[in-house]
């Protein structure tokens, strides 16, 4: 139904607004409303994480999110 809560009760209380926003865009019910892999990479949360963790190559992050495009949940 497009409604979710974190896997743990603390999730909604302890995660940043940017991460919650990103997740909600990633799991939008309608595929056309979902964020693109480029949008994920450009998101505030990912960009902040990249700045904090410069030792992680940007290419690795980009490849990981591009691989998410092939992920599908079977119903």
Protein backbone atom coordinates (compact mmCIF):
# COMPACT_ATOMS: atom_id res chain seq x y z
CA UNK A 1 0.00 0.00 0.00
CA UNK A 2 3.02 2.27 -0.13
CA UNK A 3 3.18 2.69 3.64
CA UNK A 4 6.23 1.61 5.60
CA UNK A 5 7.96 1.91 8.89
CA UNK A 6 11.57 1.11 9.67
CA UNK A 7 12.67 -2.43 10.32
CA UNK A 8 13.30 -1.46 13.91
CA UNK A 9 11.19 0.90 16.00
CA UNK A 10 14.20 3.23 16.35
CA UNK A 11 14.51 3.64 12.58
CA UNK A 12 11.97 6.41 12.20
CA UNK A 13 13.31 8.24 15.24
CA UNK A 14 17.05 7.96 14.63
CA UNK A 15 17.48 8.21 10.87
CA UNK A 16 18.02 11.52 9.16
CA UNK A 17 15.28 13.28 7.25
CA UNK A 18 17.46 12.98 4.13
CA UNK A 19 17.69 9.18 4.45
CA UNK A 20 13.97 8.79 5.11
CA UNK A 21 13.25 10.99 2.09
CA UNK A 22 15.58 8.93 -0.11
CA UNK A 23 14.05 5.64 1.00
CA UNK A 24 10.52 6.89 0.41
CA UNK A 25 11.52 7.92 -3.13
CA UNK A 26 13.15 4.53 -3.73
CA UNK A 27 10.09 2.53 -2.70
CA UNK A 28 7.39 4.66 -4.33
CA UNK A 29 4.48 2.43 -5.25
CA UNK A 30 4.29 3.50 -8.89
CA UNK A 31 7.48 2.77 -10.86
CA UNK A 32 7.20 6.09 -12.71
CA UNK A 33 7.27 7.92 -9.36
CA UNK A 34 10.44 6.16 -8.13
CA UNK A 35 13.74 7.97 -8.03
CA UNK A 36 16.22 7.03 -10.77
CA UNK A 37 19.63 5.56 -10.06
CA UNK A 38 21.13 8.91 -11.08
CA UNK A 39 18.76 10.63 -8.66
CA UNK A 40 19.91 8.31 -5.88
CA UNK A 41 23.54 9.09 -6.56
CA UNK A 42 22.78 12.82 -6.60
CA UNK A 43 20.66 12.70 -3.42
CA UNK A 44 21.66 14.81 -0.44
CA UNK A 45 22.14 11.73 1.77
CA UNK A 46 24.48 9.96 -0.69
CA UNK A 47 26.44 13.13 -1.45
CA UNK A 48 26.89 13.80 2.28
CA UNK A 49 28.01 10.22 2.80
CA UNK A 50 30.51 10.56 -0.04
CA UNK A 51 31.94 13.70 1.53
CA UNK A 52 32.23 11.99 4.92
CA UNK A 53 33.76 8.84 3.49
CA UNK A 54 36.06 9.96 0.72
CA UNK A 55 37.88 6.63 0.89
CA UNK A 56 34.89 5.01 -0.84
CA UNK A 57 35.35 5.49 -4.58
CA UNK A 58 32.40 7.26 -6.20
CA UNK A 59 32.49 4.65 -8.99
CA UNK A 60 31.80 1.91 -6.43
CA UNK A 61 28.75 3.76 -5.13
CA UNK A 62 27.53 4.48 -8.67
CA UNK A 63 27.92 0.82 -9.67
CA UNK A 64 26.08 -0.36 -6.57
CA UNK A 65 23.10 1.86 -7.31
CA UNK A 66 23.11 1.02 -11.00
CA UNK A 67 22.92 -2.66 -10.01
CA UNK A 68 19.81 -1.84 -8.00
CA UNK A 69 18.02 -1.20 -11.28
CA UNK A 70 17.91 -4.95 -11.92
CA UNK A 71 16.45 -5.73 -8.47
CA UNK A 72 12.84 -6.84 -8.58
CA UNK A 73 10.65 -8.33 -5.91
CA UNK A 74 8.52 -11.19 -7.15
CA UNK A 75 4.88 -11.18 -6.24
